[in-house]
Amino acid sequence: MSKTKLTVNNNGSLKVDGDFEIVDKDGNVYNLQGREIVSICRCGLSANKPFCDGSHKGHFEHEAVAFALPPKKV
């Protein structure tokens, strides 16, 4: 089983790659038709939400640079 990788793209989507499933708020599984890579909308402009359709181009800005979160609260 491959490790799932989530990539935050500059000015765009979240790319999900690996072994995963995507479910809606009720736990229903989206039929991904065998895809092992999908892009999830971050801008809210996609007509195909939750999936990216490229509508963000020129309308969404975010430079994806990794950083450390603060320690977990216990």
PDB file of N, CA and C in Angstrom:
ATOM      1  N   MET A   1       0.845  -1.178   0.000  1.00  0.00           N
ATOM      2  CA  MET A   1       0.000   0.000   0.000  1.00  0.00           C
ATOM      3  C   MET A   1       0.891   1.242   0.000  1.00  0.00           C
ATOM      4  N   SER A   2       0.644   2.152  -0.939  1.00  0.00           N
ATOM      5  CA  SER A   2       1.465   3.353  -1.030  1.00  0.00           C
ATOM      6  C   SER A   2       0.992   4.402  -0.026  1.00  0.00           C
ATOM      7  N   LYS A   3       1.924   5.219   0.411  1.00  0.00           N
ATOM      8  CA  LYS A   3       1.630   6.299   1.329  1.00  0.00           C
ATOM      9  C   LYS A   3       0.885   7.401   0.583  1.00  0.00           C
ATOM     10  N   THR A   4      -0.132   7.973   1.201  1.00  0.00           N
ATOM     11  CA  THR A   4      -0.876   9.064   0.599  1.00  0.00           C
ATOM     12  C   THR A   4      -0.086  10.356   0.756  1.00  0.00           C
ATOM     13  N   LYS A   5      -0.037  11.132  -0.330  1.00  0.00           N
ATOM     14  CA  LYS A   5       0.689  12.400  -0.313  1.00  0.00           C
ATOM     15  C   LYS A   5      -0.275  13.508  -0.696  1.00  0.00           C
ATOM     16  N   LEU A   6      -0.311  14.568   0.104  1.00  0.00           N
ATOM     17  CA  LEU A   6      -1.135  15.735  -0.164  1.00  0.00           C
ATOM     18  C   LEU A   6      -0.197  16.903  -0.446  1.00  0.00           C
ATOM     19  N   THR A   7      -0.304  17.476  -1.655  1.00  0.00           N
ATOM     20  CA  THR A   7       0.558  18.581  -2.060  1.00  0.00           C
ATOM     21  C   THR A   7      -0.272  19.852  -2.154  1.00  0.00           C
ATOM     22  N   VAL A   8       0.176  20.907  -1.451  1.00  0.00           N
ATOM     23  CA  VAL A   8      -0.477  22.208  -1.525  1.00  0.00           C
ATOM     24  C   VAL A   8       0.190  22.959  -2.675  1.00  0.00           C
ATOM     25  N   ASN A   9      -0.533  23.145  -3.764  1.00  0.00           N
ATOM     26  CA  ASN A   9       0.018  23.809  -4.942  1.00  0.00           C
ATOM     27  C   ASN A   9      -0.039  25.327  -4.799  1.00  0.00           C
ATOM     28  N   ASN A  10       1.001  26.015  -5.293  1.00  0.00           N
ATOM     29  CA  ASN A  10       0.970  27.471  -5.346  1.00  0.00           C
ATOM     30  C   ASN A  10      -0.230  27.916  -6.166  1.00  0.00           C
ATOM     31  N   ASN A  11      -0.977  28.892  -5.664  1.00  0.00           N
ATOM     32  CA  ASN A  11      -2.082  29.507  -6.402  1.00  0.00           C
ATOM     33  C   ASN A  11      -3.049  28.488  -6.982  1.00  0.00           C
ATOM     34  N   GLY A  12      -3.288  27.405  -6.267  1.00  0.00           N
ATOM     35  CA  GLY A  12      -4.169  26.390  -6.827  1.00  0.00           C
ATOM     36  C   GLY A  12      -4.644  25.349  -5.852  1.00  0.00           C
ATOM     37  N   SER A  13      -4.833  24.171  -6.359  1.00  0.00           N
ATOM     38  CA  SER A  13      -5.516  23.075  -5.675  1.00  0.00           C
ATOM     39  C   SER A  13      -4.642  22.343  -4.670  1.00  0.00           C
ATOM     40  N   LEU A  14      -5.289  21.395  -3.995  1.00  0.00           N
ATOM     41  CA  LEU A  14      -4.608  20.401  -3.175  1.00  0.00           C
ATOM     42  C   LEU A  14      -4.562  19.127  -4.015  1.00  0.00           C
ATOM     43  N   LYS A  15      -3.370  18.640  -4.292  1.00  0.00           N
ATOM     44  CA  LYS A  15      -3.213  17.410  -5.081  1.00  0.00           C
ATOM     45  C   LYS A  15      -3.102  16.239  -4.112  1.00  0.00           C
ATOM     46  N   VAL A  16      -3.970  15.242  -4.290  1.00  0.00           N
ATOM     47  CA  VAL A  16      -3.962  14.039  -3.460  1.00  0.00           C
ATOM     48  C   VAL A  16      -3.474  12.894  -4.334  1.00  0.00           C
ATOM     49  N   ASP A  17      -2.458  12.187  -3.847  1.00  0.00           N
ATOM     50  CA  ASP A  17      -1.798  11.143  -4.630  1.00  0.00           C
ATOM     51  C   ASP A  17      -1.542   9.945  -3.726  1.00  0.00           C
ATOM     52  N   GLY A  18      -1.966   8.762  -4.146  1.00  0.00           N
ATOM     53  CA  GLY A  18      -1.702   7.548  -3.371  1.00  0.00           C
ATOM     54  C   GLY A  18      -2.951   6.718  -3.196  1.00  0.00           C
ATOM     55  N   ASP A  19      -3.016   6.020  -2.066  1.00  0.00           N
ATOM     56  CA  ASP A  19      -4.146   5.162  -1.738  1.00  0.00           C
ATOM     57  C   ASP A  19      -5.061   5.932  -0.789  1.00  0.00           C
ATOM     58  N   PHE A  20      -6.221   6.355  -1.257  1.00  0.00           N
ATOM     59  CA  PHE A  20      -7.121   7.175  -0.459  1.00  0.00           C
ATOM     60  C   PHE A  20      -8.548   6.995  -0.937  1.00  0.00           C
ATOM     61  N   GLU A  21      -9.483   7.454  -0.127  1.00  0.00           N
ATOM     62  CA  GLU A  21     -10.862   7.598  -0.561  1.00  0.00           C
ATOM     63  C   GLU A  21     -11.332   8.956  -0.088  1.00  0.00           C
ATOM     64  N   ILE A  22     -12.315   9.519  -0.791  1.00  0.00           N
ATOM     65  CA  ILE A  22     -12.890  10.806  -0.436  1.00  0.00           C
ATOM     66  C   ILE A  22     -14.361  10.576  -0.159  1.00  0.00           C
ATOM     67  N   VAL A  23     -14.821  11.079   0.986  1.00  0.00           N
ATOM     68  CA  VAL A  23     -16.216  10.898   1.378  1.00  0.00           C
ATOM     69  C   VAL A  23     -16.875  12.253   1.605  1.00  0.00           C
ATOM     70  N   ASP A  24     -18.200  12.291   1.464  1.00  0.00           N
ATOM     71  CA  ASP A  24     -18.945  13.521   1.742  1.00  0.00           C
ATOM     72  C   ASP A  24     -19.257  13.594   3.237  1.00  0.00           C
ATOM     73  N   LYS A  25     -20.000  14.621   3.640  1.00  0.00           N
ATOM     74  CA  LYS A  25     -20.293  14.855   5.053  1.00  0.00           C
ATOM     75  C   LYS A  25     -21.060  13.712   5.710  1.00  0.00           C
ATOM     76  N   ASP A  26     -21.740  12.900   4.903  1.00  0.00           N
ATOM     77  CA  ASP A  26     -22.501  11.772   5.429  1.00  0.00           C
ATOM     78  C   ASP A  26     -21.744  10.451   5.340  1.00  0.00           C
ATOM     79  N   GLY A  27     -20.497  10.500   4.880  1.00  0.00           N
ATOM     80  CA  GLY A  27     -19.697   9.286   4.767  1.00  0.00           C
ATOM     81  C   GLY A  27     -19.847   8.551   3.451  1.00  0.00           C
ATOM     82  N   ASN A  28     -20.609   9.112   2.505  1.00  0.00           N
ATOM     83  CA  ASN A  28     -20.759   8.489   1.189  1.00  0.00           C
ATOM     84  C   ASN A  28     -19.480   8.680   0.383  1.00  0.00           C
ATOM     85  N   VAL A  29     -19.026   7.618  -0.254  1.00  0.00           N
ATOM     86  CA  VAL A  29     -17.765   7.639  -0.985  1.00  0.00           C
ATOM     87  C   VAL A  29     -17.960   8.168  -2.404  1.00  0.00           C
ATOM     88  N   TYR A  30     -17.107   9.118  -2.805  1.00  0.00           N
ATOM     89  CA  TYR A  30     -17.091   9.581  -4.199  1.00  0.00           C
ATOM     90  C   TYR A  30     -16.493   8.468  -5.053  1.00  0.00           C
ATOM     91  N   ASN A  31     -17.101   8.171  -6.196  1.00  0.00           N
ATOM     92  CA  ASN A  31     -16.575   7.169  -7.119  1.00  0.00           C
ATOM     93  C   ASN A  31     -15.514   7.846  -7.984  1.00  0.00           C
ATOM     94  N   LEU A  32     -14.258   7.569  -7.703  1.00  0.00           N
ATOM     95  CA  LEU A  32     -13.145   8.213  -8.399  1.00  0.00           C
ATOM     96  C   LEU A  32     -12.747   7.475  -9.671  1.00  0.00           C
ATOM     97  N   GLN A  33     -13.485   6.447 -10.040  1.00  0.00           N
ATOM     98  CA  GLN A  33     -13.253   5.712 -11.292  1.00  0.00           C
ATOM     99  C   GLN A  33     -11.806   5.229 -11.419  1.00  0.00           C
ATOM    100  N   GLY A  34     -11.215   4.788 -10.296  1.00  0.00           N
ATOM    101  CA  GLY A  34      -9.879   4.213 -10.324  1.00  0.00           C
ATOM    102  C   GLY A  34      -8.735   5.219 -10.265  1.00  0.00           C
ATOM    103  N   ARG A  35      -9.048   6.495 -10.164  1.00  0.00           N
ATOM    104  CA  ARG A  35      -7.980   7.512 -10.122  1.00  0.00           C
ATOM    105  C   ARG A  35      -7.158   7.366  -8.844  1.00  0.00           C
ATOM    106  N   GLU A  36      -5.851   7.521  -8.984  1.00  0.00           N
ATOM    107  CA  GLU A  36      -4.941   7.522  -7.842  1.00  0.00           C
ATOM    108  C   GLU A  36      -4.411   8.917  -7.564  1.00  0.00           C
ATOM    109  N   ILE A  37      -4.768   9.883  -8.409  1.00  0.00           N
ATOM    110  CA  ILE A  37      -4.403  11.286  -8.224  1.00  0.00           C
ATOM    111  C   ILE A  37      -5.628  12.135  -8.550  1.00  0.00           C
ATOM    112  N   VAL A  38      -6.007  13.023  -7.634  1.00  0.00           N
ATOM    113  CA  VAL A  38      -7.066  14.003  -7.887  1.00  0.00           C
ATOM    114  C   VAL A  38      -6.619  15.344  -7.312  1.00  0.00           C
ATOM    115  N   SER A  39      -7.246  16.413  -7.775  1.00  0.00           N
ATOM    116  CA  SER A  39      -6.987  17.749  -7.247  1.00  0.00           C
ATOM    117  C   SER A  39      -8.258  18.272  -6.607  1.00  0.00           C
ATOM    118  N   ILE A  40      -8.118  18.771  -5.389  1.00  0.00           N
ATOM    119  CA  ILE A  40      -9.236  19.291  -4.604  1.00  0.00           C
ATOM    120  C   ILE A  40      -9.218  20.817  -4.650  1.00  0.00           C
ATOM    121  N   CYS A  41     -10.373  21.413  -4.886  1.00  0.00           N
ATOM    122  CA  CYS A  41     -10.516  22.866  -4.981  1.00  0.00           C
ATOM    123  C   CYS A  41     -10.226  23.525  -3.631  1.00  0.00           C
ATOM    124  N   ARG A  42      -9.445  24.609  -3.662  1.00  0.00           N
ATOM    125  CA  ARG A  42      -9.213  25.430  -2.462  1.00  0.00           C
ATOM    126  C   ARG A  42      -9.814  26.811  -2.607  1.00  0.00           C
ATOM    127  N   CYS A  43     -10.125  27.231  -3.818  1.00  0.00           N
ATOM    128  CA  CYS A  43     -10.542  28.621  -4.052  1.00  0.00           C
ATOM    129  C   CYS A  43     -12.047  28.820  -3.958  1.00  0.00           C
ATOM    130  N   GLY A  44     -12.815  27.738  -4.102  1.00  0.00           N
ATOM    131  CA  GLY A  44     -14.268  27.840  -4.056  1.00  0.00           C
ATOM    132  C   GLY A  44     -14.920  28.187  -5.385  1.00  0.00           C
ATOM    133  N   LEU A  45     -14.142  28.323  -6.453  1.00  0.00           N
ATOM    134  CA  LEU A  45     -14.686  28.736  -7.748  1.00  0.00           C
ATOM    135  C   LEU A  45     -15.047  27.570  -8.671  1.00  0.00           C
ATOM    136  N   SER A  46     -14.616  26.363  -8.348  1.00  0.00           N
ATOM    137  CA  SER A  46     -14.840  25.215  -9.223  1.00  0.00           C
ATOM    138  C   SER A  46     -16.323  24.894  -9.376  1.00  0.00           C
ATOM    139  N   ALA A  47     -16.733  24.568 -10.588  1.00  0.00           N
ATOM    140  CA  ALA A  47     -18.097  24.106 -10.846  1.00  0.00           C
ATOM    141  C   ALA A  47     -18.217  22.623 -10.544  1.00  0.00           C
ATOM    142  N   ASN A  48     -17.110  21.986 -10.194  1.00  0.00           N
ATOM    143  CA  ASN A  48     -17.055  20.543  -9.971  1.00  0.00           C
ATOM    144  C   ASN A  48     -16.582  20.243  -8.540  1.00  0.00           C
ATOM    145  N   LYS A  49     -16.933  21.115  -7.568  1.00  0.00           N
ATOM    146  CA  LYS A  49     -16.491  20.927  -6.187  1.00  0.00           C
ATOM    147  C   LYS A  49     -16.932  19.574  -5.658  1.00  0.00           C
ATOM    148  N   PRO A  50     -16.112  18.897  -4.890  1.00  0.00           N
ATOM    149  CA  PRO A  50     -14.898  19.390  -4.259  1.00  0.00           C
ATOM    150  C   PRO A  50     -13.661  19.310  -5.141  1.00  0.00           C
ATOM    151  N   PHE A  51     -13.821  18.912  -6.382  1.00  0.00           N
ATOM    152  CA  PHE A  51     -12.672  18.729  -7.267  1.00  0.00           C
ATOM    153  C   PHE A  51     -12.347  20.018  -8.012  1.00  0.00           C
ATOM    154  N   CYS A  52     -11.078  20.215  -8.310  1.00  0.00           N
ATOM    155  CA  CYS A  52     -10.607  21.403  -9.014  1.00  0.00           C
ATOM    156  C   CYS A  52     -10.904  21.276 -10.513  1.00  0.00           C
ATOM    157  N   ASP A  53     -11.371  22.373 -11.115  1.00  0.00           N
ATOM    158  CA  ASP A  53     -11.570  22.396 -12.563  1.00  0.00           C
ATOM    159  C   ASP A  53     -10.745  23.491 -13.231  1.00  0.00           C
ATOM    160  N   GLY A  54      -9.821  24.110 -12.476  1.00  0.00           N
ATOM    161  CA  GLY A  54      -8.942  25.133 -13.034  1.00  0.00           C
ATOM    162  C   GLY A  54      -9.516  26.542 -12.991  1.00  0.00           C
ATOM    163  N   SER A  55     -10.706  26.719 -12.414  1.00  0.00           N
ATOM    164  CA  SER A  55     -11.339  28.041 -12.375  1.00  0.00           C
ATOM    165  C   SER A  55     -10.535  29.061 -11.570  1.00  0.00           C
ATOM    166  N   HIS A  56      -9.625  28.599 -10.723  1.00  0.00           N
ATOM    167  CA  HIS A  56      -8.844  29.496  -9.867  1.00  0.00           C
ATOM    168  C   HIS A  56      -7.834  30.340 -10.644  1.00  0.00           C
ATOM    169  N   LYS A  57      -7.466  29.923 -11.828  1.00  0.00           N
ATOM    170  CA  LYS A  57      -6.401  30.604 -12.576  1.00  0.00           C
ATOM    171  C   LYS A  57      -6.679  32.104 -12.688  1.00  0.00           C
ATOM    172  N   GLY A  58      -5.760  32.895 -12.118  1.00  0.00           N
ATOM    173  CA  GLY A  58      -5.880  34.341 -12.135  1.00  0.00           C
ATOM    174  C   GLY A  58      -6.808  34.919 -11.077  1.00  0.00           C
ATOM    175  N   HIS A  59      -7.400  34.055 -10.226  1.00  0.00           N
ATOM    176  CA  HIS A  59      -8.366  34.525  -9.230  1.00  0.00           C
ATOM    177  C   HIS A  59      -8.031  34.078  -7.814  1.00  0.00           C
ATOM    178  N   PHE A  60      -6.897  33.455  -7.616  1.00  0.00           N
ATOM    179  CA  PHE A  60      -6.568  32.883  -6.305  1.00  0.00           C
ATOM    180  C   PHE A  60      -5.067  32.950  -6.114  1.00  0.00           C
ATOM    181  N   GLU A  61      -4.645  33.530  -5.001  1.00  0.00           N
ATOM    182  CA  GLU A  61      -3.215  33.654  -4.745  1.00  0.00           C
ATOM    183  C   GLU A  61      -2.858  33.062  -3.400  1.00  0.00           C
ATOM    184  N   HIS A  62      -1.931  32.140  -3.404  1.00  0.00           N
ATOM    185  CA  HIS A  62      -1.398  31.580  -2.168  1.00  0.00           C
ATOM    186  C   HIS A  62      -0.070  30.920  -2.481  1.00  0.00           C
ATOM    187  N   GLU A  63       0.991  31.416  -1.874  1.00  0.00           N
ATOM    188  CA  GLU A  63       2.302  30.787  -2.045  1.00  0.00           C
ATOM    189  C   GLU A  63       2.412  29.662  -1.035  1.00  0.00           C
ATOM    190  N   ALA A  64       2.539  28.447  -1.526  1.00  0.00           N
ATOM    191  CA  ALA A  64       2.589  27.267  -0.663  1.00  0.00           C
ATOM    192  C   ALA A  64       4.010  27.056  -0.154  1.00  0.00           C
ATOM    193  N   VAL A  65       4.234  27.412   1.095  1.00  0.00           N
ATOM    194  CA  VAL A  65       5.534  27.233   1.734  1.00  0.00           C
ATOM    195  C   VAL A  65       5.283  26.510   3.055  1.00  0.00           C
ATOM    196  N   ALA A  66       5.941  25.378   3.248  1.00  0.00           N
ATOM    197  CA  ALA A  66       5.741  24.579   4.454  1.00  0.00           C
ATOM    198  C   ALA A  66       6.264  25.308   5.691  1.00  0.00           C
ATOM    199  N   PHE A  67       5.589  25.075   6.810  1.00  0.00           N
ATOM    200  CA  PHE A  67       6.012  25.629   8.094  1.00  0.00           C
ATOM    201  C   PHE A  67       5.575  24.670   9.193  1.00  0.00           C
ATOM    202  N   ALA A  68       6.116  24.848  10.392  1.00  0.00           N
ATOM    203  CA  ALA A  68       5.771  23.995  11.527  1.00  0.00           C
ATOM    204  C   ALA A  68       4.581  24.574  12.283  1.00  0.00           C
ATOM    205  N   LEU A  69       3.629  23.739  12.584  1.00  0.00           N
ATOM    206  CA  LEU A  69       2.504  24.142  13.423  1.00  0.00           C
ATOM    207  C   LEU A  69       2.971  24.273  14.866  1.00  0.00           C
ATOM    208  N   PRO A  70       2.252  25.022  15.694  1.00  0.00           N
ATOM    209  CA  PRO A  70       2.609  25.055  17.119  1.00  0.00           C
ATOM    210  C   PRO A  70       2.373  23.682  17.733  1.00  0.00           C
ATOM    211  N   PRO A  71       2.986  23.398  18.867  1.00  0.00           N
ATOM    212  CA  PRO A  71       2.777  22.088  19.500  1.00  0.00           C
ATOM    213  C   PRO A  71       1.302  21.817  19.786  1.00  0.00           C
ATOM    214  N   LYS A  72       0.943  20.532  19.741  1.00  0.00           N
ATOM    215  CA  LYS A  72      -0.432  20.133  20.038  1.00  0.00           C
ATOM    216  C   LYS A  72      -0.760  20.483  21.478  1.00  0.00           C
ATOM    217  N   LYS A  73      -2.007  20.929  21.682  1.00  0.00           N
ATOM    218  CA  LYS A  73      -2.467  21.208  23.046  1.00  0.00           C
ATOM    219  C   LYS A  73      -2.845  19.882  23.693  1.00  0.00           C
ATOM    220  N   VAL A  74      -2.478  19.758  24.966  1.00  0.00           N
ATOM    221  CA  VAL A  74      -2.810  18.517  25.688  1.00  0.00           C
ATOM    222  C   VAL A  74      -3.680  18.790  26.871  1.00  0.00           C
TER     223      VAL A  74
END
